[in-house]
Amino acid sequence: MTARSRRRRQTRPPRRVQAPTPMEVAAPPVSPIDPALAARRVAVRNPRGRAARREPGERALTELAEQTEVGEVLLRSLTRAQLMLAVRIFAVFGCLLLGLPALFATHPGLADYRILGLPLPWLLLGGAVYPMLVLLGVLYVRQSERNERDFVEFIERS
């Protein structure tokens, strides 16, 4: 409180209070509950009330939002599924990409084939790899969205 506000309080005239009417002078109401019992009150709630009825998925969403242990387990399972998908796609791509040079090393006669004047290894490694990358990318996106859709369905059911 500042000095100015203290001065204002001191200079204000006191408020006029009206005299109480005979109805207001009556004694305060007496509680029918014993004060000792009132101190030991316990709240009793209906078990079939709002807290017991939850929409499907509300509990799991709450677990996720509050970042509880259950929510962490749910998110970890989604992350693990996405990671395993990425590892599988990478393994397929790696086997195909590394398999071509291995194929040409084990079968040197394939390197002599020419298509449209270009050696077969050049066509496969320089041209066929890119459509394969696009195909694996599309496959990854579809499977990733499927994982997320399954996760959301699981949350809504629980």
N, C-alpha and C. Protein backbone atom coordinates (compact mmCIF):
# COMPACT_ATOMS: atom_id res chain seq x y z
N MET A 1 0.85 -1.18 0.00
CA MET A 1 0.00 0.00 0.00
C MET A 1 0.89 1.23 0.00
N THR A 2 0.60 2.17 -0.85
CA THR A 2 1.42 3.38 -0.96
C THR A 2 0.97 4.42 0.04
N ALA A 3 1.80 5.43 0.22
CA ALA A 3 1.47 6.51 1.16
C ALA A 3 0.26 7.29 0.67
N ARG A 4 0.14 7.44 -0.63
CA ARG A 4 -1.00 8.19 -1.18
C ARG A 4 -2.32 7.48 -0.88
N SER A 5 -2.34 6.15 -1.06
CA SER A 5 -3.59 5.44 -0.79
C SER A 5 -3.91 5.45 0.70
N ARG A 6 -2.88 5.47 1.56
CA ARG A 6 -3.15 5.56 3.00
C ARG A 6 -3.78 6.90 3.35
N ARG A 7 -3.30 7.97 2.71
CA ARG A 7 -3.87 9.29 2.97
C ARG A 7 -5.32 9.35 2.51
N ARG A 8 -5.60 8.74 1.37
CA ARG A 8 -6.97 8.74 0.88
C ARG A 8 -7.90 8.05 1.88
N ARG A 9 -7.45 6.93 2.40
CA ARG A 9 -8.28 6.21 3.36
C ARG A 9 -8.54 7.04 4.62
N GLN A 10 -7.52 7.76 5.04
CA GLN A 10 -7.67 8.54 6.26
C GLN A 10 -8.60 9.73 6.04
N THR A 11 -8.64 10.30 4.84
CA THR A 11 -9.44 11.50 4.61
C THR A 11 -10.87 11.19 4.24
N ARG A 12 -11.20 9.97 3.91
CA ARG A 12 -12.58 9.66 3.56
C ARG A 12 -13.46 9.68 4.80
N PRO A 13 -14.65 10.19 4.63
CA PRO A 13 -15.57 10.14 5.78
C PRO A 13 -16.07 8.71 5.97
N PRO A 14 -16.38 8.33 7.17
CA PRO A 14 -16.86 6.97 7.41
C PRO A 14 -18.21 6.76 6.73
N ARG A 15 -18.45 5.58 6.30
CA ARG A 15 -19.72 5.25 5.66
C ARG A 15 -20.83 5.22 6.68
N ARG A 16 -21.99 5.63 6.21
CA ARG A 16 -23.15 5.60 7.11
C ARG A 16 -23.78 4.22 7.02
N VAL A 17 -24.01 3.66 8.12
CA VAL A 17 -24.63 2.35 8.19
C VAL A 17 -26.06 2.57 8.67
N GLN A 18 -27.01 1.98 7.93
CA GLN A 18 -28.40 2.12 8.33
C GLN A 18 -28.67 1.25 9.55
N ALA A 19 -29.56 1.69 10.33
CA ALA A 19 -29.93 0.93 11.52
C ALA A 19 -30.63 -0.35 11.09
N PRO A 20 -30.32 -1.46 11.71
CA PRO A 20 -30.96 -2.72 11.32
C PRO A 20 -32.44 -2.71 11.64
N THR A 21 -33.20 -3.34 10.76
CA THR A 21 -34.64 -3.47 10.99
C THR A 21 -34.87 -4.60 11.97
N PRO A 22 -36.05 -4.68 12.57
CA PRO A 22 -36.31 -5.74 13.54
C PRO A 22 -36.15 -7.15 12.94
N MET A 23 -36.37 -7.30 11.62
CA MET A 23 -36.23 -8.62 11.01
C MET A 23 -34.76 -9.04 10.93
N GLU A 24 -33.87 -8.05 10.77
CA GLU A 24 -32.46 -8.36 10.64
C GLU A 24 -31.80 -8.62 11.98
N VAL A 25 -32.43 -8.22 13.04
CA VAL A 25 -31.86 -8.38 14.37
C VAL A 25 -32.05 -9.82 14.86
N ALA A 26 -32.82 -10.59 14.16
CA ALA A 26 -33.11 -11.96 14.59
C ALA A 26 -31.81 -12.75 14.73
N ALA A 27 -31.84 -13.76 15.55
CA ALA A 27 -30.67 -14.60 15.81
C ALA A 27 -30.29 -15.36 14.55
N PRO A 28 -29.01 -15.63 14.39
CA PRO A 28 -28.57 -16.39 13.23
C PRO A 28 -29.19 -17.79 13.26
N PRO A 29 -29.39 -18.39 12.10
CA PRO A 29 -30.01 -19.72 12.08
C PRO A 29 -29.12 -20.75 12.76
N VAL A 30 -29.74 -21.65 13.44
CA VAL A 30 -29.03 -22.71 14.16
C VAL A 30 -28.97 -23.93 13.25
N SER A 31 -27.79 -24.47 13.11
CA SER A 31 -27.61 -25.65 12.27
C SER A 31 -28.14 -26.88 12.98
N PRO A 32 -28.91 -27.73 12.29
CA PRO A 32 -29.41 -28.95 12.93
C PRO A 32 -28.31 -30.00 13.10
N ILE A 33 -27.14 -29.77 12.49
CA ILE A 33 -26.05 -30.76 12.58
C ILE A 33 -25.14 -30.40 13.74
N ASP A 34 -24.82 -31.39 14.52
CA ASP A 34 -23.91 -31.21 15.64
C ASP A 34 -22.54 -30.79 15.11
N PRO A 35 -21.91 -29.76 15.68
CA PRO A 35 -20.61 -29.29 15.17
C PRO A 35 -19.54 -30.38 15.19
N ALA A 36 -19.60 -31.29 16.16
CA ALA A 36 -18.60 -32.37 16.21
C ALA A 36 -18.78 -33.30 15.02
N LEU A 37 -20.04 -33.56 14.64
CA LEU A 37 -20.29 -34.41 13.47
C LEU A 37 -19.93 -33.69 12.17
N ALA A 38 -20.17 -32.40 12.13
CA ALA A 38 -19.87 -31.64 10.93
C ALA A 38 -18.38 -31.64 10.62
N ALA A 39 -17.54 -31.72 11.66
CA ALA A 39 -16.10 -31.74 11.46
C ALA A 39 -15.65 -33.06 10.84
N ARG A 40 -16.44 -34.14 11.02
CA ARG A 40 -16.06 -35.45 10.50
C ARG A 40 -16.81 -35.81 9.22
N ARG A 41 -17.28 -34.84 8.48
CA ARG A 41 -18.08 -35.10 7.28
C ARG A 41 -17.26 -35.82 6.22
N VAL A 42 -17.95 -36.65 5.48
CA VAL A 42 -17.34 -37.39 4.38
C VAL A 42 -18.21 -37.16 3.15
N ALA A 43 -17.61 -36.85 2.06
CA ALA A 43 -18.37 -36.65 0.82
C ALA A 43 -18.73 -38.00 0.23
N VAL A 44 -20.00 -38.20 -0.03
CA VAL A 44 -20.48 -39.44 -0.62
C VAL A 44 -20.95 -39.11 -2.03
N ARG A 45 -20.43 -39.89 -2.99
CA ARG A 45 -20.77 -39.63 -4.39
C ARG A 45 -21.43 -40.85 -4.99
N ASN A 46 -22.24 -40.61 -5.98
CA ASN A 46 -22.92 -41.68 -6.67
C ASN A 46 -21.91 -42.41 -7.57
N PRO A 47 -21.73 -43.72 -7.39
CA PRO A 47 -20.76 -44.42 -8.23
C PRO A 47 -21.18 -44.48 -9.69
N ARG A 48 -22.44 -44.27 -9.98
CA ARG A 48 -22.90 -44.29 -11.36
C ARG A 48 -22.98 -42.88 -11.95
N GLY A 49 -22.34 -41.96 -11.30
CA GLY A 49 -22.37 -40.57 -11.75
C GLY A 49 -21.47 -40.33 -12.94
N ARG A 50 -21.18 -39.09 -13.23
CA ARG A 50 -20.41 -38.68 -14.40
C ARG A 50 -19.00 -39.27 -14.39
N ALA A 51 -18.40 -39.36 -13.23
CA ALA A 51 -17.02 -39.84 -13.17
C ALA A 51 -16.92 -41.29 -13.60
N ALA A 52 -17.94 -42.08 -13.38
CA ALA A 52 -17.89 -43.49 -13.74
C ALA A 52 -18.14 -43.70 -15.22
N ARG A 53 -18.92 -42.84 -15.85
CA ARG A 53 -19.22 -42.99 -17.28
C ARG A 53 -18.19 -42.22 -18.08
N ARG A 54 -17.45 -42.93 -18.87
CA ARG A 54 -16.47 -42.29 -19.73
C ARG A 54 -16.71 -42.72 -21.16
N GLU A 55 -16.44 -41.81 -22.03
CA GLU A 55 -16.53 -42.13 -23.45
C GLU A 55 -15.41 -43.10 -23.80
N PRO A 56 -15.62 -43.95 -24.80
CA PRO A 56 -14.54 -44.84 -25.21
C PRO A 56 -13.32 -44.01 -25.65
N GLY A 57 -12.18 -44.39 -25.18
CA GLY A 57 -10.95 -43.69 -25.54
C GLY A 57 -10.62 -42.52 -24.64
N GLU A 58 -11.56 -42.10 -23.78
CA GLU A 58 -11.30 -40.93 -22.93
C GLU A 58 -10.18 -41.22 -21.93
N ARG A 59 -10.18 -42.44 -21.40
CA ARG A 59 -9.15 -42.78 -20.42
C ARG A 59 -7.77 -42.81 -21.06
N ALA A 60 -7.68 -43.45 -22.23
CA ALA A 60 -6.38 -43.53 -22.91
C ALA A 60 -5.91 -42.15 -23.34
N LEU A 61 -6.83 -41.30 -23.80
CA LEU A 61 -6.45 -39.94 -24.17
C LEU A 61 -5.96 -39.15 -22.96
N THR A 62 -6.61 -39.38 -21.82
CA THR A 62 -6.17 -38.72 -20.59
C THR A 62 -4.77 -39.19 -20.22
N GLU A 63 -4.53 -40.51 -20.36
CA GLU A 63 -3.21 -41.05 -20.05
C GLU A 63 -2.15 -40.42 -20.96
N LEU A 64 -2.48 -40.26 -22.23
CA LEU A 64 -1.54 -39.65 -23.17
C LEU A 64 -1.31 -38.18 -22.85
N ALA A 65 -2.39 -37.46 -22.57
CA ALA A 65 -2.28 -36.02 -22.32
C ALA A 65 -1.51 -35.73 -21.03
N GLU A 66 -1.73 -36.54 -20.01
CA GLU A 66 -1.07 -36.31 -18.73
C GLU A 66 0.32 -36.92 -18.68
N GLN A 67 0.72 -37.62 -19.73
CA GLN A 67 2.04 -38.24 -19.84
C GLN A 67 2.34 -39.15 -18.66
N THR A 68 1.38 -40.03 -18.35
CA THR A 68 1.58 -41.00 -17.29
C THR A 68 2.38 -42.17 -17.84
N GLU A 69 2.64 -43.16 -16.98
CA GLU A 69 3.40 -44.34 -17.41
C GLU A 69 2.65 -45.10 -18.49
N VAL A 70 1.33 -45.19 -18.36
CA VAL A 70 0.54 -45.88 -19.37
C VAL A 70 0.62 -45.14 -20.69
N GLY A 71 0.53 -43.83 -20.65
CA GLY A 71 0.65 -43.03 -21.87
C GLY A 71 2.01 -43.19 -22.52
N GLU A 72 3.06 -43.26 -21.69
CA GLU A 72 4.40 -43.47 -22.24
C GLU A 72 4.51 -44.83 -22.91
N VAL A 73 3.90 -45.85 -22.32
CA VAL A 73 3.92 -47.19 -22.92
C VAL A 73 3.19 -47.18 -24.25
N LEU A 74 2.06 -46.49 -24.31
CA LEU A 74 1.31 -46.40 -25.57
C LEU A 74 2.13 -45.71 -26.65
N LEU A 75 2.74 -44.59 -26.31
CA LEU A 75 3.55 -43.87 -27.29
C LEU A 75 4.78 -44.67 -27.69
N ARG A 76 5.38 -45.38 -26.73
CA ARG A 76 6.55 -46.20 -27.03
C ARG A 76 6.18 -47.32 -28.00
N SER A 77 4.97 -47.88 -27.85
CA SER A 77 4.56 -48.95 -28.76
C SER A 77 4.38 -48.41 -30.18
N LEU A 78 3.81 -47.21 -30.32
CA LEU A 78 3.67 -46.61 -31.64
C LEU A 78 5.04 -46.30 -32.24
N THR A 79 5.93 -45.75 -31.43
CA THR A 79 7.27 -45.43 -31.90
C THR A 79 8.01 -46.70 -32.33
N ARG A 80 7.87 -47.76 -31.56
CA ARG A 80 8.52 -49.03 -31.88
C ARG A 80 7.99 -49.59 -33.20
N ALA A 81 6.68 -49.51 -33.40
CA ALA A 81 6.09 -50.01 -34.65
C ALA A 81 6.61 -49.21 -35.84
N GLN A 82 6.70 -47.89 -35.69
CA GLN A 82 7.21 -47.06 -36.78
C GLN A 82 8.69 -47.33 -37.05
N LEU A 83 9.46 -47.54 -35.99
CA LEU A 83 10.88 -47.83 -36.15
C LEU A 83 11.09 -49.18 -36.84
N MET A 84 10.32 -50.18 -36.46
CA MET A 84 10.45 -51.49 -37.09
C MET A 84 10.08 -51.43 -38.57
N LEU A 85 9.09 -50.63 -38.91
CA LEU A 85 8.72 -50.45 -40.31
C LEU A 85 9.88 -49.81 -41.08
N ALA A 86 10.48 -48.78 -40.51
CA ALA A 86 11.61 -48.11 -41.17
C ALA A 86 12.78 -49.06 -41.34
N VAL A 87 13.05 -49.89 -40.35
CA VAL A 87 14.16 -50.84 -40.45
C VAL A 87 13.88 -51.86 -41.54
N ARG A 88 12.64 -52.34 -41.64
CA ARG A 88 12.31 -53.32 -42.69
C ARG A 88 12.45 -52.71 -44.08
N ILE A 89 11.95 -51.48 -44.25
CA ILE A 89 12.07 -50.83 -45.56
C ILE A 89 13.53 -50.60 -45.91
N PHE A 90 14.32 -50.16 -44.94
CA PHE A 90 15.74 -49.93 -45.18
C PHE A 90 16.45 -51.24 -45.52
N ALA A 91 16.08 -52.32 -44.86
CA ALA A 91 16.71 -53.62 -45.13
C ALA A 91 16.39 -54.09 -46.55
N VAL A 92 15.15 -53.92 -46.97
CA VAL A 92 14.78 -54.31 -48.34
C VAL A 92 15.58 -53.47 -49.34
N PHE A 93 15.62 -52.17 -49.12
CA PHE A 93 16.36 -51.29 -50.03
C PHE A 93 17.84 -51.65 -50.04
N GLY A 94 18.41 -51.87 -48.88
CA GLY A 94 19.83 -52.21 -48.80
C GLY A 94 20.15 -53.53 -49.48
N CYS A 95 19.29 -54.52 -49.29
CA CYS A 95 19.54 -55.81 -49.94
C CYS A 95 19.46 -55.69 -51.46
N LEU A 96 18.48 -54.95 -51.94
CA LEU A 96 18.37 -54.79 -53.39
C LEU A 96 19.52 -53.96 -53.94
N LEU A 97 19.86 -52.88 -53.27
CA LEU A 97 20.91 -52.00 -53.78
C LEU A 97 22.28 -52.66 -53.68
N LEU A 98 22.56 -53.33 -52.59
CA LEU A 98 23.85 -54.01 -52.45
C LEU A 98 23.87 -55.35 -53.17
N GLY A 99 22.70 -55.89 -53.42
CA GLY A 99 22.62 -57.17 -54.11
C GLY A 99 22.99 -57.08 -55.59
N LEU A 100 22.72 -55.93 -56.21
CA LEU A 100 23.05 -55.77 -57.63
C LEU A 100 24.57 -55.82 -57.88
N PRO A 101 25.38 -55.07 -57.15
CA PRO A 101 26.83 -55.21 -57.37
C PRO A 101 27.33 -56.62 -57.04
N ALA A 102 26.73 -57.23 -56.02
CA ALA A 102 27.13 -58.61 -55.70
C ALA A 102 26.77 -59.56 -56.83
N LEU A 103 25.59 -59.33 -57.44
CA LEU A 103 25.18 -60.15 -58.57
C LEU A 103 26.14 -60.00 -59.74
N PHE A 104 26.54 -58.77 -60.02
CA PHE A 104 27.46 -58.56 -61.14
C PHE A 104 28.86 -59.07 -60.81
N ALA A 105 29.25 -59.08 -59.56
CA ALA A 105 30.56 -59.60 -59.19
C ALA A 105 30.60 -61.12 -59.30
N THR A 106 29.49 -61.76 -58.96
CA THR A 106 29.46 -63.23 -59.03
C THR A 106 29.18 -63.74 -60.44
N HIS A 107 28.54 -62.96 -61.26
CA HIS A 107 28.22 -63.34 -62.64
C HIS A 107 28.77 -62.27 -63.59
N PRO A 108 30.05 -62.32 -63.89
CA PRO A 108 30.65 -61.26 -64.70
C PRO A 108 30.10 -61.20 -66.13
N GLY A 109 29.47 -62.23 -66.60
CA GLY A 109 28.94 -62.22 -67.95
C GLY A 109 27.76 -61.26 -68.10
N LEU A 110 27.04 -60.95 -66.98
CA LEU A 110 25.91 -60.02 -67.04
C LEU A 110 26.36 -58.60 -67.37
N ALA A 111 27.59 -58.27 -67.02
CA ALA A 111 28.09 -56.91 -67.27
C ALA A 111 28.30 -56.66 -68.75
N ASP A 112 28.37 -57.71 -69.55
CA ASP A 112 28.60 -57.55 -70.98
C ASP A 112 27.31 -57.27 -71.75
N TYR A 113 26.16 -57.51 -71.15
CA TYR A 113 24.90 -57.26 -71.85
C TYR A 113 24.69 -55.76 -72.04
N ARG A 114 24.15 -55.42 -73.23
CA ARG A 114 23.88 -54.02 -73.51
C ARG A 114 22.42 -53.89 -73.93
N ILE A 115 21.75 -52.86 -73.36
CA ILE A 115 20.37 -52.55 -73.73
C ILE A 115 20.36 -51.09 -74.18
N LEU A 116 19.90 -50.86 -75.40
CA LEU A 116 19.89 -49.52 -76.00
C LEU A 116 21.29 -48.91 -76.00
N GLY A 117 22.28 -49.73 -76.12
CA GLY A 117 23.66 -49.26 -76.19
C GLY A 117 24.30 -49.00 -74.83
N LEU A 118 23.56 -49.22 -73.76
CA LEU A 118 24.11 -48.98 -72.41
C LEU A 118 24.33 -50.32 -71.69
N PRO A 119 25.42 -50.42 -70.94
CA PRO A 119 25.65 -51.65 -70.20
C PRO A 119 24.53 -51.90 -69.17
N LEU A 120 24.22 -53.16 -68.94
CA LEU A 120 23.15 -53.54 -68.00
C LEU A 120 23.39 -53.01 -66.59
N PRO A 121 24.61 -53.09 -66.03
CA PRO A 121 24.81 -52.53 -64.67
C PRO A 121 24.47 -51.04 -64.59
N TRP A 122 24.80 -50.29 -65.61
CA TRP A 122 24.50 -48.87 -65.60
C TRP A 122 23.00 -48.63 -65.61
N LEU A 123 22.29 -49.38 -66.40
CA LEU A 123 20.84 -49.23 -66.46
C LEU A 123 20.18 -49.58 -65.12
N LEU A 124 20.64 -50.69 -64.54
CA LEU A 124 20.02 -51.10 -63.27
C LEU A 124 20.37 -50.16 -62.12
N LEU A 125 21.66 -49.86 -61.98
CA LEU A 125 22.08 -49.01 -60.86
C LEU A 125 21.76 -47.54 -61.09
N GLY A 126 21.73 -47.10 -62.33
CA GLY A 126 21.49 -45.70 -62.62
C GLY A 126 20.04 -45.36 -62.89
N GLY A 127 19.26 -46.34 -63.31
CA GLY A 127 17.88 -46.03 -63.67
C GLY A 127 16.83 -46.78 -62.87
N ALA A 128 17.05 -48.05 -62.62
CA ALA A 128 16.03 -48.85 -61.96
C ALA A 128 15.97 -48.59 -60.45
N VAL A 129 16.99 -48.00 -59.90
CA VAL A 129 17.02 -47.75 -58.47
C VAL A 129 15.99 -46.69 -58.08
N TYR A 130 15.80 -45.69 -58.91
CA TYR A 130 14.91 -44.58 -58.55
C TYR A 130 13.44 -44.99 -58.51
N PRO A 131 12.94 -45.72 -59.48
CA PRO A 131 11.56 -46.21 -59.32
C PRO A 131 11.40 -47.11 -58.09
N MET A 132 12.46 -47.88 -57.79
CA MET A 132 12.40 -48.71 -56.59
C MET A 132 12.33 -47.83 -55.33
N LEU A 133 13.07 -46.73 -55.31
CA LEU A 133 13.01 -45.81 -54.17
C LEU A 133 11.62 -45.22 -54.02
N VAL A 134 11.02 -44.82 -55.12
CA VAL A 134 9.67 -44.25 -55.08
C VAL A 134 8.68 -45.29 -54.57
N LEU A 135 8.79 -46.51 -55.08
CA LEU A 135 7.90 -47.59 -54.65
C LEU A 135 8.04 -47.88 -53.16
N LEU A 136 9.27 -47.96 -52.68
CA LEU A 136 9.48 -48.19 -51.24
C LEU A 136 9.00 -47.01 -50.41
N GLY A 137 9.15 -45.79 -50.92
CA GLY A 137 8.65 -44.61 -50.20
C GLY A 137 7.14 -44.62 -50.08
N VAL A 138 6.46 -44.96 -51.17
CA VAL A 138 4.99 -45.05 -51.14
C VAL A 138 4.56 -46.15 -50.18
N LEU A 139 5.24 -47.28 -50.23
CA LEU A 139 4.93 -48.39 -49.31
C LEU A 139 5.12 -47.97 -47.85
N TYR A 140 6.22 -47.25 -47.59
CA TYR A 140 6.49 -46.80 -46.22
C TYR A 140 5.40 -45.84 -45.72
N VAL A 141 5.00 -44.89 -46.55
CA VAL A 141 3.98 -43.92 -46.13
C VAL A 141 2.66 -44.62 -45.86
N ARG A 142 2.27 -45.56 -46.73
CA ARG A 142 1.01 -46.27 -46.53
C ARG A 142 1.03 -47.09 -45.24
N GLN A 143 2.12 -47.79 -44.99
CA GLN A 143 2.21 -48.61 -43.78
C GLN A 143 2.30 -47.74 -42.53
N SER A 144 2.99 -46.61 -42.63
CA SER A 144 3.10 -45.70 -41.49
C SER A 144 1.74 -45.14 -41.13
N GLU A 145 0.98 -44.72 -42.14
CA GLU A 145 -0.38 -44.22 -41.87
C GLU A 145 -1.27 -45.32 -41.32
N ARG A 146 -1.07 -46.53 -41.77
CA ARG A 146 -1.83 -47.66 -41.23
C ARG A 146 -1.51 -47.88 -39.75
N ASN A 147 -0.21 -47.80 -39.40
CA ASN A 147 0.18 -47.92 -37.99
C ASN A 147 -0.49 -46.85 -37.14
N GLU A 148 -0.48 -45.62 -37.63
CA GLU A 148 -1.09 -44.53 -36.87
C GLU A 148 -2.60 -44.69 -36.77
N ARG A 149 -3.23 -45.15 -37.85
CA ARG A 149 -4.68 -45.38 -37.82
C ARG A 149 -5.02 -46.49 -36.83
N ASP A 150 -4.22 -47.56 -36.80
CA ASP A 150 -4.44 -48.64 -35.83
C ASP A 150 -4.26 -48.14 -34.40
N PHE A 151 -3.29 -47.26 -34.20
CA PHE A 151 -3.05 -46.69 -32.88
C PHE A 151 -4.24 -45.87 -32.42
N VAL A 152 -4.76 -45.03 -33.32
CA VAL A 152 -5.92 -44.19 -32.98
C VAL A 152 -7.14 -45.07 -32.69
N GLU A 153 -7.35 -46.12 -33.47
CA GLU A 153 -8.47 -47.03 -33.21
C GLU A 153 -8.33 -47.72 -31.87
N PHE A 154 -7.11 -48.10 -31.53
CA PHE A 154 -6.86 -48.73 -30.23
C PHE A 154 -7.17 -47.76 -29.10
N ILE A 155 -6.76 -46.51 -29.24
CA ILE A 155 -7.03 -45.49 -28.21
C ILE A 155 -8.52 -45.27 -28.07
N GLU A 156 -9.24 -45.21 -29.19
CA GLU A 156 -10.68 -44.97 -29.13
C GLU A 156 -11.43 -46.14 -28.52
N ARG A 157 -10.94 -47.35 -28.69
CA ARG A 157 -11.60 -48.53 -28.12
C ARG A 157 -11.37 -48.66 -26.62
N SER A 158 -10.19 -48.26 -26.15
CA SER A 158 -9.87 -48.48 -24.73
C SER A 158 -10.39 -47.38 -23.85
